[in-house]
Each structure stands twice: as C-alpha cells, then as structure tokens.
Amino acid sequence: MLIWGTRGYLYQLAMMTLVCGNCGNPAAHGLRKYVTKFTFFFIPLFPVSTKYRTQCTFCGLEQQIAKEQAEQLLAMAAGPQPSHQPQPQPQGQMQGQAPGAPGAQGQNPYQQ
C-alpha cells in the first residue's frame, strides 16, 4: 500500500500599504505565496504548483497575481538596503531632538 497525496503551504512574504482595487481604500495588503507539494508517505518531495496572492485587510478581497508582479512588490516592500556603516551621532543631545526641545538634557515636558 502506497500513501501519496498533496499538501498546501502558506508563506507570508510581506505586508505593504496599497490602494485596494475593490474598496478604494489605502490599506495594508498581505503578499502571500501558496505552494502545493506532492507528498509520499507524508514526506513533501517537490512543488506541484505555486501561486502568489495579495489580500486587502480592509475588505478582505484576495487577488491572484503573477510571479513577476509578486517579485516587484516584494522588492518595493524591502525598500532601500540599509548601510552597514554606523551613522555619526551629535554629541551632547539625544538623536532626533533639538537642543532646546522638551525631553532633551533631562528635562521633563510634563513637569510644571
């Protein structure tokens, strides 16, 4: 007796903000990869099919897209690659605050 079949796998590749084609809202969309693999004695051996889909988190619309579109969206979601060199920080103040801003040099903005 041989036991064979298929099993589906779901991979969440990215979350990105896109304008939905159904509801028209700029909402988060999940980019997902669905892979169906052939199994033999419950061991996945090779992929039978691969599909890419996006799903709107606002209205729930799920659309199938081509592999090329998925790769473009994934590259867009990754954005610019960060530099591996540390950025110099100014001395005497916290990063992202002006010298006289509340919270700089130990000032509490909630104290009166």
Protein backbone atom coordinates (compact mmCIF):
# COMPACT_ATOMS: atom_id res chain seq x y z
CA MET A 1 0.00 0.00 0.00
CA LEU A 2 1.36 3.39 -1.07
CA ILE A 3 0.32 6.60 0.63
CA TRP A 4 0.67 9.63 -1.60
CA GLY A 5 -1.07 12.99 -1.99
CA THR A 6 -0.55 16.74 -1.82
CA ARG A 7 -0.21 19.30 0.93
CA GLY A 8 -0.53 23.07 0.81
CA TYR A 9 1.89 25.52 2.40
CA LEU A 10 1.28 29.21 3.01
CA TYR A 11 4.13 31.74 3.27
CA GLN A 12 3.58 35.37 4.31
CA LEU A 13 6.13 37.29 2.24
CA ALA A 14 5.36 40.93 3.14
CA MET A 15 2.82 43.43 4.43
CA MET A 16 2.55 46.68 2.49
CA THR A 17 0.17 49.59 2.07
CA LEU A 18 -1.57 49.60 -1.31
CA VAL A 19 -4.77 51.08 -2.68
CA CYS A 20 -7.37 48.33 -2.94
CA GLY A 21 -8.97 47.78 -6.34
CA ASN A 22 -12.26 46.74 -4.72
CA CYS A 23 -12.91 49.20 -1.89
CA GLY A 24 -10.55 52.02 -3.00
CA ASN A 25 -9.02 52.41 0.48
CA PRO A 26 -5.28 52.68 1.06
CA ALA A 27 -4.96 49.67 3.37
CA ALA A 28 -2.43 47.05 4.38
CA HIS A 29 -2.18 44.15 1.96
CA GLY A 30 -0.54 40.84 2.71
CA LEU A 31 1.60 39.33 -0.03
CA ARG A 32 1.32 35.54 0.26
CA LYS A 33 2.80 32.57 -1.54
CA TYR A 34 0.76 29.35 -1.77
CA VAL A 35 2.78 26.22 -2.59
CA THR A 36 1.26 22.79 -3.18
CA LYS A 37 3.75 19.93 -2.76
CA PHE A 38 3.50 16.27 -3.72
CA THR A 39 3.86 14.00 -0.69
CA PHE A 40 4.88 10.35 -0.47
CA PHE A 41 4.30 8.69 2.91
CA PHE A 42 3.59 12.20 4.31
CA ILE A 43 7.02 13.49 3.23
CA PRO A 44 6.86 16.55 0.94
CA LEU A 45 9.00 15.85 -2.12
CA PHE A 46 8.58 18.55 -4.77
CA PRO A 47 6.31 21.53 -5.52
CA VAL A 48 3.39 20.87 -7.85
CA SER A 49 2.10 24.45 -8.09
CA THR A 50 3.00 27.90 -6.77
CA LYS A 51 0.57 30.85 -6.63
CA TYR A 52 1.00 34.40 -5.39
CA ARG A 53 -1.87 36.42 -3.93
CA THR A 54 -2.50 39.74 -2.21
CA GLN A 55 -5.26 40.25 0.35
CA CYS A 56 -6.72 43.57 1.47
CA THR A 57 -7.04 43.78 5.26
CA PHE A 58 -9.87 46.31 4.97
CA CYS A 59 -12.39 44.50 2.76
CA GLY A 60 -10.81 41.02 2.54
CA LEU A 61 -10.51 40.90 -1.26
CA GLU A 62 -7.91 38.35 -2.34
CA GLN A 63 -6.39 38.67 -5.82
CA GLN A 64 -4.07 36.26 -7.59
CA ILE A 65 -1.06 37.95 -9.18
CA ALA A 66 1.76 36.81 -11.46
CA LYS A 67 5.18 35.81 -10.11
CA GLU A 68 6.80 38.86 -11.73
CA GLN A 69 4.32 41.21 -10.01
CA ALA A 70 4.96 39.48 -6.68
CA GLU A 71 8.71 39.92 -7.08
CA GLN A 72 8.25 43.62 -7.90
CA LEU A 73 6.02 44.14 -4.85
CA LEU A 74 8.48 42.28 -2.65
CA ALA A 75 11.37 44.45 -3.90
CA MET A 76 9.24 47.56 -3.31
CA ALA A 77 8.38 46.41 0.23
CA ALA A 78 12.03 45.75 1.05
CA GLY A 79 12.92 49.35 0.12
CA PRO A 80 16.48 50.65 0.14
CA GLN A 81 19.01 48.38 1.75
CA PRO A 82 20.47 49.85 4.98
CA SER A 83 24.12 50.75 5.07
CA HIS A 84 26.31 48.59 7.28
CA GLN A 85 28.36 51.55 8.49
CA PRO A 86 27.25 53.30 11.70
CA GLN A 87 25.99 56.85 11.35
CA PRO A 88 27.75 59.50 13.49
CA GLN A 89 25.55 60.94 16.26
CA PRO A 90 25.82 64.52 17.52
CA GLN A 91 27.43 64.93 20.94
CA GLY A 92 25.56 66.44 23.91
CA GLN A 93 21.97 65.74 22.79
CA MET A 94 19.72 62.82 22.03
CA GLN A 95 19.30 61.85 18.39
CA GLY A 96 16.24 63.42 16.74
CA GLN A 97 15.78 66.24 19.29
CA ALA A 98 16.71 69.88 19.08
CA PRO A 99 18.91 71.26 21.93
CA GLY A 100 16.03 73.25 23.47
CA ALA A 101 13.26 70.70 22.85
CA PRO A 102 11.37 69.21 25.80
CA GLY A 103 12.94 65.94 26.85
CA ALA A 104 16.44 67.00 25.82
CA GLN A 105 19.15 67.02 28.52
CA GLY A 106 16.92 65.51 31.20
CA GLN A 107 14.02 67.98 31.06
CA ASN A 108 10.59 66.50 31.76
CA PRO A 109 7.93 68.06 29.46
CA TYR A 110 5.16 67.14 31.94
CA GLN A 111 6.64 68.97 34.92
CA GLN A 112 5.30 72.46 35.60
